[in-house]
Amino acid sequence: MRSKNRKLVQTLQSAQCDYFETHRRVTAINFVTDAFNGKVDSVLSRVRSDNYGKLKQEILDAFVLVNTNGAAFRNARITEEYRDSRLEELRLAVILQEFKEREREEQRRIKEEMREEEKARREIERAVKDAAKEEEMLQKAMEKVRSKYERASEAQKAMYEEQLDELEQKLVSAWFS
């Protein structure tokens, strides 16, 4: 669209004027074209995905204002073709803005997923580390009970066997809970 608009300006098809002298006609056309483009460029700099209607109206208002003021220069006026071309540029700019917003939202969603996955990974690592510590602690407790068992009398051995069974159950449940 921008290259089409540049071509319309370069070939003096962006505006019309009733001057017969070439120099005056070109000057008046360039003057109203510059005035209109200044207003439209200002409008286009504020494009968002949700303000198309307002900006379109501002361009249409600029078209009327420039054409009204251009009447003092032998009816210098912006052509409807050029106005429509700039409106199309606005429409495409809004579509591009919507695309960019969707892309940013997608990137935000991906980053959020990555954060959640990293959080889950850290929680799993922490759980594995805690389970390993608990296993180590239970292994040490079982070794103490075994050493006491080996030195114990027959009456005490039954008590130590019971403690060993309890510790083995805790060890098994530590890995599966």
N, C-alpha and C. Protein backbone atom coordinates (compact mmCIF):
# COMPACT_ATOMS: atom_id res chain seq x y z
N MET A 1 0.83 -1.19 0.00
CA MET A 1 0.00 0.00 0.00
C MET A 1 0.87 1.26 0.00
N ARG A 2 1.93 1.21 0.78
CA ARG A 2 2.78 2.41 0.85
C ARG A 2 3.42 2.73 -0.49
N SER A 3 3.85 1.69 -1.20
CA SER A 3 4.46 1.95 -2.51
C SER A 3 3.39 2.46 -3.49
N LYS A 4 2.18 1.95 -3.39
CA LYS A 4 1.10 2.46 -4.24
C LYS A 4 0.83 3.93 -3.91
N ASN A 5 0.80 4.26 -2.64
CA ASN A 5 0.57 5.65 -2.22
C ASN A 5 1.69 6.56 -2.72
N ARG A 6 2.93 6.10 -2.61
CA ARG A 6 4.06 6.90 -3.11
C ARG A 6 3.93 7.14 -4.62
N LYS A 7 3.51 6.11 -5.32
CA LYS A 7 3.35 6.24 -6.77
C LYS A 7 2.26 7.26 -7.10
N LEU A 8 1.14 7.21 -6.35
CA LEU A 8 0.07 8.18 -6.57
C LEU A 8 0.57 9.61 -6.33
N VAL A 9 1.40 9.79 -5.31
CA VAL A 9 1.94 11.13 -5.01
C VAL A 9 2.91 11.56 -6.10
N GLN A 10 3.80 10.67 -6.51
CA GLN A 10 4.81 11.00 -7.51
C GLN A 10 4.19 11.33 -8.87
N THR A 11 3.13 10.66 -9.20
CA THR A 11 2.49 10.90 -10.50
C THR A 11 1.40 11.97 -10.41
N LEU A 12 1.34 12.65 -9.27
CA LEU A 12 0.38 13.74 -9.02
C LEU A 12 -1.07 13.28 -9.15
N GLN A 13 -1.33 12.03 -8.81
CA GLN A 13 -2.69 11.50 -8.83
C GLN A 13 -3.32 11.51 -7.44
N SER A 14 -2.57 11.99 -6.46
CA SER A 14 -3.09 12.02 -5.09
C SER A 14 -4.04 13.20 -4.90
N ALA A 15 -3.89 14.22 -5.73
CA ALA A 15 -4.73 15.41 -5.59
C ALA A 15 -4.99 16.01 -6.97
N GLN A 16 -5.94 16.95 -6.98
CA GLN A 16 -6.27 17.66 -8.22
C GLN A 16 -6.35 19.15 -7.91
N CYS A 17 -6.21 19.94 -8.96
CA CYS A 17 -6.26 21.38 -8.78
C CYS A 17 -6.70 22.01 -10.11
N ASP A 18 -7.32 23.18 -10.04
CA ASP A 18 -7.84 23.82 -11.25
C ASP A 18 -6.89 24.87 -11.84
N TYR A 19 -5.66 25.00 -11.29
CA TYR A 19 -4.70 25.92 -11.89
C TYR A 19 -4.31 25.40 -13.27
N PHE A 20 -4.11 26.33 -14.20
CA PHE A 20 -3.68 25.93 -15.54
C PHE A 20 -2.17 25.91 -15.65
N GLU A 21 -1.50 26.82 -14.93
CA GLU A 21 -0.04 26.84 -14.98
C GLU A 21 0.51 25.63 -14.23
N THR A 22 1.40 24.93 -14.86
CA THR A 22 1.94 23.68 -14.31
C THR A 22 2.57 23.89 -12.94
N HIS A 23 3.40 24.91 -12.81
CA HIS A 23 4.11 25.15 -11.55
C HIS A 23 3.12 25.38 -10.40
N ARG A 24 2.14 26.21 -10.62
CA ARG A 24 1.15 26.49 -9.56
C ARG A 24 0.33 25.24 -9.24
N ARG A 25 -0.06 24.52 -10.28
CA ARG A 25 -0.86 23.32 -10.08
C ARG A 25 -0.07 22.29 -9.25
N VAL A 26 1.19 22.05 -9.63
CA VAL A 26 2.04 21.09 -8.91
C VAL A 26 2.24 21.55 -7.47
N THR A 27 2.48 22.85 -7.27
CA THR A 27 2.68 23.37 -5.91
C THR A 27 1.42 23.18 -5.06
N ALA A 28 0.26 23.48 -5.60
CA ALA A 28 -0.99 23.32 -4.86
C ALA A 28 -1.26 21.84 -4.56
N ILE A 29 -1.02 20.99 -5.54
CA ILE A 29 -1.22 19.55 -5.32
C ILE A 29 -0.29 19.04 -4.23
N ASN A 30 0.98 19.43 -4.31
CA ASN A 30 1.95 19.00 -3.29
C ASN A 30 1.56 19.54 -1.90
N PHE A 31 1.04 20.76 -1.87
CA PHE A 31 0.66 21.38 -0.61
C PHE A 31 -0.47 20.60 0.07
N VAL A 32 -1.54 20.33 -0.66
CA VAL A 32 -2.66 19.61 -0.04
C VAL A 32 -2.30 18.15 0.25
N THR A 33 -1.47 17.59 -0.61
CA THR A 33 -1.03 16.21 -0.37
C THR A 33 -0.20 16.14 0.91
N ASP A 34 0.72 17.07 1.08
CA ASP A 34 1.54 17.10 2.30
C ASP A 34 0.67 17.32 3.54
N ALA A 35 -0.29 18.20 3.45
CA ALA A 35 -1.18 18.46 4.59
C ALA A 35 -1.97 17.20 4.94
N PHE A 36 -2.52 16.55 3.94
CA PHE A 36 -3.31 15.34 4.18
C PHE A 36 -2.43 14.22 4.72
N ASN A 37 -1.25 14.03 4.10
CA ASN A 37 -0.35 12.97 4.56
C ASN A 37 0.11 13.20 5.99
N GLY A 38 0.35 14.45 6.36
CA GLY A 38 0.75 14.75 7.74
C GLY A 38 -0.32 14.30 8.73
N LYS A 39 -1.56 14.62 8.42
CA LYS A 39 -2.66 14.21 9.29
C LYS A 39 -2.83 12.69 9.31
N VAL A 40 -2.77 12.07 8.15
CA VAL A 40 -2.96 10.62 8.07
C VAL A 40 -1.81 9.89 8.77
N ASP A 41 -0.57 10.35 8.57
CA ASP A 41 0.57 9.71 9.24
C ASP A 41 0.44 9.82 10.75
N SER A 42 -0.06 10.94 11.22
CA SER A 42 -0.30 11.10 12.66
C SER A 42 -1.34 10.10 13.14
N VAL A 43 -2.39 9.90 12.36
CA VAL A 43 -3.43 8.93 12.72
C VAL A 43 -2.85 7.51 12.72
N LEU A 44 -2.08 7.19 11.68
CA LEU A 44 -1.53 5.84 11.56
C LEU A 44 -0.55 5.50 12.69
N SER A 45 0.07 6.52 13.27
CA SER A 45 1.01 6.27 14.36
C SER A 45 0.30 5.81 15.63
N ARG A 46 -1.02 5.96 15.67
CA ARG A 46 -1.80 5.57 16.87
C ARG A 46 -2.62 4.31 16.65
N VAL A 47 -2.26 3.51 15.67
CA VAL A 47 -3.04 2.31 15.34
C VAL A 47 -2.92 1.29 16.47
N ARG A 48 -4.09 0.78 16.87
CA ARG A 48 -4.20 -0.36 17.78
C ARG A 48 -5.26 -1.27 17.17
N SER A 49 -5.38 -2.42 17.70
CA SER A 49 -6.34 -3.36 17.12
C SER A 49 -7.79 -2.99 17.43
N ASP A 50 -8.00 -2.11 18.38
CA ASP A 50 -9.38 -1.82 18.80
C ASP A 50 -9.85 -0.41 18.47
N ASN A 51 -9.11 0.34 17.66
CA ASN A 51 -9.53 1.73 17.40
C ASN A 51 -9.68 2.05 15.91
N TYR A 52 -9.97 1.05 15.10
CA TYR A 52 -10.09 1.26 13.66
C TYR A 52 -11.17 2.29 13.31
N GLY A 53 -12.35 2.16 13.88
CA GLY A 53 -13.46 3.06 13.54
C GLY A 53 -13.13 4.52 13.83
N LYS A 54 -12.54 4.77 14.98
CA LYS A 54 -12.18 6.14 15.36
C LYS A 54 -11.13 6.71 14.41
N LEU A 55 -10.12 5.92 14.10
CA LEU A 55 -9.05 6.40 13.22
C LEU A 55 -9.55 6.59 11.79
N LYS A 56 -10.42 5.71 11.34
CA LYS A 56 -11.00 5.87 10.01
C LYS A 56 -11.74 7.20 9.92
N GLN A 57 -12.51 7.50 10.95
CA GLN A 57 -13.25 8.76 10.96
C GLN A 57 -12.31 9.96 10.96
N GLU A 58 -11.20 9.85 11.68
CA GLU A 58 -10.22 10.94 11.69
C GLU A 58 -9.63 11.17 10.30
N ILE A 59 -9.38 10.09 9.57
CA ILE A 59 -8.86 10.24 8.20
C ILE A 59 -9.92 10.88 7.31
N LEU A 60 -11.15 10.44 7.45
CA LEU A 60 -12.23 11.04 6.65
C LEU A 60 -12.40 12.52 7.00
N ASP A 61 -12.28 12.87 8.28
CA ASP A 61 -12.36 14.28 8.70
C ASP A 61 -11.19 15.09 8.11
N ALA A 62 -9.99 14.49 8.10
CA ALA A 62 -8.83 15.16 7.52
C ALA A 62 -9.05 15.40 6.03
N PHE A 63 -9.63 14.43 5.37
CA PHE A 63 -9.93 14.56 3.94
C PHE A 63 -10.85 15.76 3.70
N VAL A 64 -11.92 15.87 4.47
CA VAL A 64 -12.86 16.99 4.33
C VAL A 64 -12.17 18.31 4.67
N LEU A 65 -11.40 18.34 5.75
CA LEU A 65 -10.74 19.58 6.18
C LEU A 65 -9.73 20.06 5.13
N VAL A 66 -8.88 19.16 4.65
CA VAL A 66 -7.87 19.55 3.66
C VAL A 66 -8.54 20.00 2.37
N ASN A 67 -9.58 19.31 1.95
CA ASN A 67 -10.27 19.72 0.72
C ASN A 67 -10.99 21.06 0.90
N THR A 68 -11.54 21.30 2.08
CA THR A 68 -12.19 22.60 2.34
C THR A 68 -11.16 23.72 2.32
N ASN A 69 -10.04 23.51 3.00
CA ASN A 69 -8.99 24.53 3.03
C ASN A 69 -8.28 24.68 1.68
N GLY A 70 -8.24 23.61 0.92
CA GLY A 70 -7.59 23.66 -0.39
C GLY A 70 -8.41 24.41 -1.43
N ALA A 71 -9.66 24.68 -1.13
CA ALA A 71 -10.52 25.42 -2.06
C ALA A 71 -9.94 26.81 -2.35
N ALA A 72 -9.17 27.36 -1.43
CA ALA A 72 -8.57 28.67 -1.63
C ALA A 72 -7.46 28.64 -2.69
N PHE A 73 -6.99 27.47 -3.02
CA PHE A 73 -5.94 27.32 -4.03
C PHE A 73 -6.52 26.72 -5.30
N ARG A 74 -7.47 27.42 -5.86
CA ARG A 74 -8.14 26.98 -7.10
C ARG A 74 -8.67 25.56 -6.97
N ASN A 75 -9.35 25.33 -5.87
CA ASN A 75 -10.02 24.06 -5.63
C ASN A 75 -9.05 22.88 -5.56
N ALA A 76 -7.91 23.09 -4.89
CA ALA A 76 -6.96 21.99 -4.70
C ALA A 76 -7.61 21.00 -3.73
N ARG A 77 -7.60 19.73 -4.12
CA ARG A 77 -8.30 18.74 -3.31
C ARG A 77 -7.64 17.37 -3.46
N ILE A 78 -7.77 16.56 -2.40
CA ILE A 78 -7.29 15.17 -2.40
C ILE A 78 -8.29 14.34 -3.19
N THR A 79 -7.78 13.41 -3.98
CA THR A 79 -8.68 12.56 -4.76
C THR A 79 -9.27 11.47 -3.87
N GLU A 80 -10.44 11.01 -4.26
CA GLU A 80 -11.07 9.92 -3.51
C GLU A 80 -10.25 8.64 -3.61
N GLU A 81 -9.59 8.45 -4.75
CA GLU A 81 -8.73 7.27 -4.91
C GLU A 81 -7.61 7.29 -3.88
N TYR A 82 -7.00 8.46 -3.67
CA TYR A 82 -5.90 8.55 -2.71
C TYR A 82 -6.44 8.38 -1.28
N ARG A 83 -7.59 8.99 -1.00
CA ARG A 83 -8.21 8.83 0.32
C ARG A 83 -8.48 7.35 0.60
N ASP A 84 -9.06 6.67 -0.38
CA ASP A 84 -9.37 5.24 -0.21
C ASP A 84 -8.11 4.41 -0.05
N SER A 85 -7.06 4.80 -0.75
CA SER A 85 -5.80 4.08 -0.63
C SER A 85 -5.22 4.23 0.78
N ARG A 86 -5.31 5.44 1.33
CA ARG A 86 -4.83 5.65 2.71
C ARG A 86 -5.72 4.94 3.73
N LEU A 87 -7.02 4.85 3.45
CA LEU A 87 -7.92 4.10 4.34
C LEU A 87 -7.58 2.61 4.30
N GLU A 88 -7.22 2.12 3.14
CA GLU A 88 -6.81 0.72 3.02
C GLU A 88 -5.51 0.49 3.80
N GLU A 89 -4.62 1.46 3.75
CA GLU A 89 -3.38 1.37 4.53
C GLU A 89 -3.71 1.27 6.02
N LEU A 90 -4.68 2.05 6.47
CA LEU A 90 -5.12 1.98 7.87
C LEU A 90 -5.68 0.59 8.18
N ARG A 91 -6.52 0.08 7.32
CA ARG A 91 -7.13 -1.24 7.54
C ARG A 91 -6.05 -2.32 7.67
N LEU A 92 -5.06 -2.26 6.78
CA LEU A 92 -3.98 -3.25 6.82
C LEU A 92 -3.11 -3.07 8.07
N ALA A 93 -2.91 -1.83 8.48
CA ALA A 93 -2.13 -1.57 9.70
C ALA A 93 -2.83 -2.15 10.92
N VAL A 94 -4.15 -2.05 10.96
CA VAL A 94 -4.92 -2.61 12.07
C VAL A 94 -4.81 -4.14 12.06
N ILE A 95 -4.90 -4.74 10.89
CA ILE A 95 -4.77 -6.20 10.78
C ILE A 95 -3.37 -6.63 11.25
N LEU A 96 -2.36 -5.89 10.83
CA LEU A 96 -0.99 -6.20 11.26
C LEU A 96 -0.86 -6.08 12.78
N GLN A 97 -1.47 -5.05 13.35
CA GLN A 97 -1.42 -4.86 14.80
C GLN A 97 -2.10 -6.03 15.52
N GLU A 98 -3.24 -6.48 15.00
CA GLU A 98 -3.93 -7.63 15.59
C GLU A 98 -3.05 -8.87 15.53
N PHE A 99 -2.37 -9.05 14.40
CA PHE A 99 -1.48 -10.20 14.25
C PHE A 99 -0.35 -10.12 15.27
N LYS A 100 0.23 -8.95 15.43
CA LYS A 100 1.32 -8.78 16.40
C LYS A 100 0.85 -9.06 17.82
N GLU A 101 -0.36 -8.61 18.15
CA GLU A 101 -0.90 -8.85 19.49
C GLU A 101 -1.13 -10.34 19.72
N ARG A 102 -1.65 -11.02 18.70
CA ARG A 102 -1.84 -12.47 18.84
C ARG A 102 -0.50 -13.17 19.02
N GLU A 103 0.50 -12.71 18.28
CA GLU A 103 1.83 -13.30 18.38
C GLU A 103 2.41 -13.07 19.78
N ARG A 104 2.26 -11.85 20.31
CA ARG A 104 2.75 -11.57 21.68
C ARG A 104 2.02 -12.44 22.70
N GLU A 105 0.72 -12.59 22.52
CA GLU A 105 -0.07 -13.43 23.44
C GLU A 105 0.39 -14.88 23.37
N GLU A 106 0.67 -15.36 22.17
CA GLU A 106 1.17 -16.73 22.01
C GLU A 106 2.52 -16.89 22.70
N GLN A 107 3.40 -15.90 22.54
CA GLN A 107 4.71 -15.94 23.20
C GLN A 107 4.55 -15.95 24.72
N ARG A 108 3.61 -15.11 25.23
CA ARG A 108 3.34 -15.10 26.67
C ARG A 108 2.87 -16.46 27.16
N ARG A 109 1.97 -17.07 26.38
CA ARG A 109 1.44 -18.39 26.76
C ARG A 109 2.55 -19.43 26.78
N ILE A 110 3.42 -19.40 25.78
CA ILE A 110 4.53 -20.36 25.71
C ILE A 110 5.47 -20.16 26.90
N LYS A 111 5.79 -18.91 27.22
CA LYS A 111 6.67 -18.65 28.36
C LYS A 111 6.04 -19.13 29.66
N GLU A 112 4.72 -18.93 29.81
CA GLU A 112 4.02 -19.39 31.00
C GLU A 112 4.08 -20.91 31.10
N GLU A 113 3.88 -21.60 29.99
CA GLU A 113 3.99 -23.07 29.99
C GLU A 113 5.40 -23.51 30.39
N MET A 114 6.40 -22.81 29.86
CA MET A 114 7.78 -23.16 30.20
C MET A 114 8.04 -22.95 31.69
N ARG A 115 7.50 -21.86 32.26
CA ARG A 115 7.67 -21.63 33.70
C ARG A 115 7.01 -22.73 34.50
N GLU A 116 5.79 -23.13 34.08
CA GLU A 116 5.07 -24.19 34.79
C GLU A 116 5.85 -25.51 34.71
N GLU A 117 6.38 -25.82 33.53
CA GLU A 117 7.15 -27.05 33.37
C GLU A 117 8.41 -27.03 34.23
N GLU A 118 9.07 -25.88 34.29
CA GLU A 118 10.27 -25.75 35.12
C GLU A 118 9.91 -25.91 36.59
N LYS A 119 8.80 -25.34 37.00
CA LYS A 119 8.35 -25.46 38.39
C LYS A 119 8.06 -26.92 38.72
N ALA A 120 7.38 -27.62 37.83
CA ALA A 120 7.08 -29.04 38.04
C ALA A 120 8.37 -29.86 38.12
N ARG A 121 9.33 -29.54 37.25
CA ARG A 121 10.61 -30.27 37.26
C ARG A 121 11.33 -30.07 38.58
N ARG A 122 11.33 -28.83 39.09
CA ARG A 122 12.00 -28.56 40.38
C ARG A 122 11.29 -29.29 41.52
N GLU A 123 9.96 -29.34 41.47
CA GLU A 123 9.22 -30.06 42.51
C GLU A 123 9.55 -31.55 42.48
N ILE A 124 9.65 -32.11 41.29
CA ILE A 124 10.01 -33.53 41.17
C ILE A 124 11.41 -33.77 41.71
N GLU A 125 12.36 -32.90 41.36
CA GLU A 125 13.72 -33.04 41.86
C GLU A 125 13.75 -32.97 43.38
N ARG A 126 12.98 -32.03 43.92
CA ARG A 126 12.94 -31.88 45.38
C ARG A 126 12.35 -33.14 46.03
N ALA A 127 11.30 -33.70 45.45
CA ALA A 127 10.67 -34.90 45.99
C ALA A 127 11.64 -36.08 45.95
N VAL A 128 12.38 -36.21 44.83
CA VAL A 128 13.35 -37.30 44.71
C VAL A 128 14.46 -37.13 45.75
N LYS A 129 14.91 -35.91 45.93
CA LYS A 129 15.98 -35.63 46.90
C LYS A 129 15.50 -35.95 48.32
N ASP A 130 14.26 -35.54 48.62
CA ASP A 130 13.70 -35.83 49.95
C ASP A 130 13.55 -37.33 50.17
N ALA A 131 13.11 -38.03 49.14
CA ALA A 131 12.96 -39.49 49.25
C ALA A 131 14.32 -40.14 49.47
N ALA A 132 15.35 -39.66 48.78
CA ALA A 132 16.69 -40.22 48.94
C ALA A 132 17.21 -39.97 50.37
N LYS A 133 16.94 -38.79 50.90
CA LYS A 133 17.36 -38.50 52.29
C LYS A 133 16.64 -39.42 53.27
N GLU A 134 15.33 -39.58 53.05
CA GLU A 134 14.56 -40.44 53.95
C GLU A 134 15.05 -41.88 53.86
N GLU A 135 15.36 -42.33 52.63
CA GLU A 135 15.87 -43.69 52.46
C GLU A 135 17.20 -43.85 53.21
N GLU A 136 18.06 -42.86 53.06
CA GLU A 136 19.37 -42.92 53.73
C GLU A 136 19.20 -42.98 55.24
N MET A 137 18.29 -42.16 55.77
CA MET A 137 18.04 -42.13 57.20
C MET A 137 17.50 -43.49 57.68
N LEU A 138 16.55 -44.05 56.91
CA LEU A 138 16.00 -45.35 57.29
C LEU A 138 17.04 -46.46 57.19
N GLN A 139 17.90 -46.40 56.19
CA GLN A 139 18.97 -47.40 56.06
C GLN A 139 19.90 -47.36 57.28
N LYS A 140 20.23 -46.15 57.70
CA LYS A 140 21.11 -46.01 58.89
C LYS A 140 20.41 -46.56 60.13
N ALA A 141 19.11 -46.24 60.27
CA ALA A 141 18.36 -46.75 61.43
C ALA A 141 18.31 -48.28 61.40
N MET A 142 18.12 -48.86 60.19
CA MET A 142 18.08 -50.31 60.07
C MET A 142 19.43 -50.94 60.43
N GLU A 143 20.53 -50.28 60.04
CA GLU A 143 21.86 -50.78 60.39
C GLU A 143 22.06 -50.79 61.90
N LYS A 144 21.60 -49.74 62.57
CA LYS A 144 21.73 -49.68 64.03
C LYS A 144 20.93 -50.81 64.68
N VAL A 145 19.70 -50.99 64.18
CA VAL A 145 18.86 -52.05 64.76
C VAL A 145 19.48 -53.42 64.49
N ARG A 146 20.07 -53.64 63.31
CA ARG A 146 20.70 -54.93 62.99
C ARG A 146 21.91 -55.19 63.90
N SER A 147 22.68 -54.13 64.10
CA SER A 147 23.85 -54.33 64.97
C SER A 147 23.41 -54.64 66.41
N LYS A 148 22.34 -53.99 66.86
CA LYS A 148 21.81 -54.29 68.20
C LYS A 148 21.21 -55.70 68.22
N TYR A 149 20.59 -56.09 67.11
CA TYR A 149 19.97 -57.40 67.00
C TYR A 149 21.02 -58.50 67.16
N GLU A 150 22.16 -58.31 66.51
CA GLU A 150 23.22 -59.32 66.54
C GLU A 150 23.79 -59.48 67.95
N ARG A 151 23.76 -58.42 68.73
CA ARG A 151 24.32 -58.49 70.08
C ARG A 151 23.25 -58.78 71.14
N ALA A 152 22.03 -58.85 70.71
CA ALA A 152 20.93 -58.98 71.67
C ALA A 152 20.68 -60.43 72.06
N SER A 153 20.00 -60.57 73.17
CA SER A 153 19.58 -61.90 73.64
C SER A 153 18.37 -62.33 72.84
N GLU A 154 17.93 -63.57 73.02
CA GLU A 154 16.81 -64.11 72.27
C GLU A 154 15.53 -63.31 72.53
N ALA A 155 15.31 -62.88 73.73
CA ALA A 155 14.10 -62.13 74.06
C ALA A 155 14.10 -60.77 73.37
N GLN A 156 15.26 -60.16 73.31
CA GLN A 156 15.36 -58.84 72.68
C GLN A 156 15.32 -58.94 71.15
N LYS A 157 15.75 -60.08 70.59
CA LYS A 157 15.78 -60.24 69.13
C LYS A 157 14.39 -60.09 68.53
N ALA A 158 13.38 -60.58 69.18
CA ALA A 158 12.01 -60.46 68.65
C ALA A 158 11.60 -58.99 68.56
N MET A 159 11.98 -58.23 69.56
CA MET A 159 11.67 -56.80 69.54
C MET A 159 12.41 -56.10 68.38
N TYR A 160 13.68 -56.46 68.19
CA TYR A 160 14.47 -55.83 67.12
C TYR A 160 13.97 -56.26 65.74
N GLU A 161 13.50 -57.50 65.61
CA GLU A 161 12.93 -57.95 64.34
C GLU A 161 11.70 -57.13 64.00
N GLU A 162 10.91 -56.86 65.02
CA GLU A 162 9.71 -56.04 64.82
C GLU A 162 10.09 -54.63 64.36
N GLN A 163 11.12 -54.06 64.96
CA GLN A 163 11.59 -52.72 64.57
C GLN A 163 12.11 -52.75 63.13
N LEU A 164 12.84 -53.81 62.76
CA LEU A 164 13.36 -53.93 61.40
C LEU A 164 12.21 -54.01 60.40
N ASP A 165 11.18 -54.79 60.72
CA ASP A 165 10.01 -54.89 59.84
C ASP A 165 9.35 -53.52 59.65
N GLU A 166 9.22 -52.80 60.74
CA GLU A 166 8.61 -51.45 60.67
C GLU A 166 9.43 -50.52 59.77
N LEU A 167 10.77 -50.57 59.97
CA LEU A 167 11.65 -49.70 59.17
C LEU A 167 11.60 -50.09 57.69
N GLU A 168 11.53 -51.40 57.39
CA GLU A 168 11.44 -51.83 55.99
C GLU A 168 10.13 -51.34 55.37
N GLN A 169 9.04 -51.39 56.13
CA GLN A 169 7.75 -50.89 55.64
C GLN A 169 7.83 -49.39 55.36
N LYS A 170 8.46 -48.65 56.25
CA LYS A 170 8.61 -47.19 56.04
C LYS A 170 9.46 -46.91 54.80
N LEU A 171 10.50 -47.75 54.62
CA LEU A 171 11.37 -47.57 53.46
C LEU A 171 10.59 -47.80 52.17
N VAL A 172 9.79 -48.84 52.13
CA VAL A 172 8.97 -49.15 50.96
C VAL A 172 7.95 -48.02 50.72
N SER A 173 7.31 -47.57 51.78
CA SER A 173 6.29 -46.51 51.61
C SER A 173 6.94 -45.19 51.23
N ALA A 174 8.18 -44.96 51.62
CA ALA A 174 8.86 -43.71 51.25
C ALA A 174 9.04 -43.63 49.74
N TRP A 175 9.29 -44.75 49.09
CA TRP A 175 9.50 -44.74 47.65
C TRP A 175 8.20 -44.69 46.87
N PHE A 176 7.12 -45.13 47.44
CA PHE A 176 5.86 -45.17 46.69
C PHE A 176 4.87 -44.11 47.11
N SER A 177 5.26 -43.20 47.98
CA SER A 177 4.31 -42.15 48.38
C SER A 177 4.72 -40.81 47.87
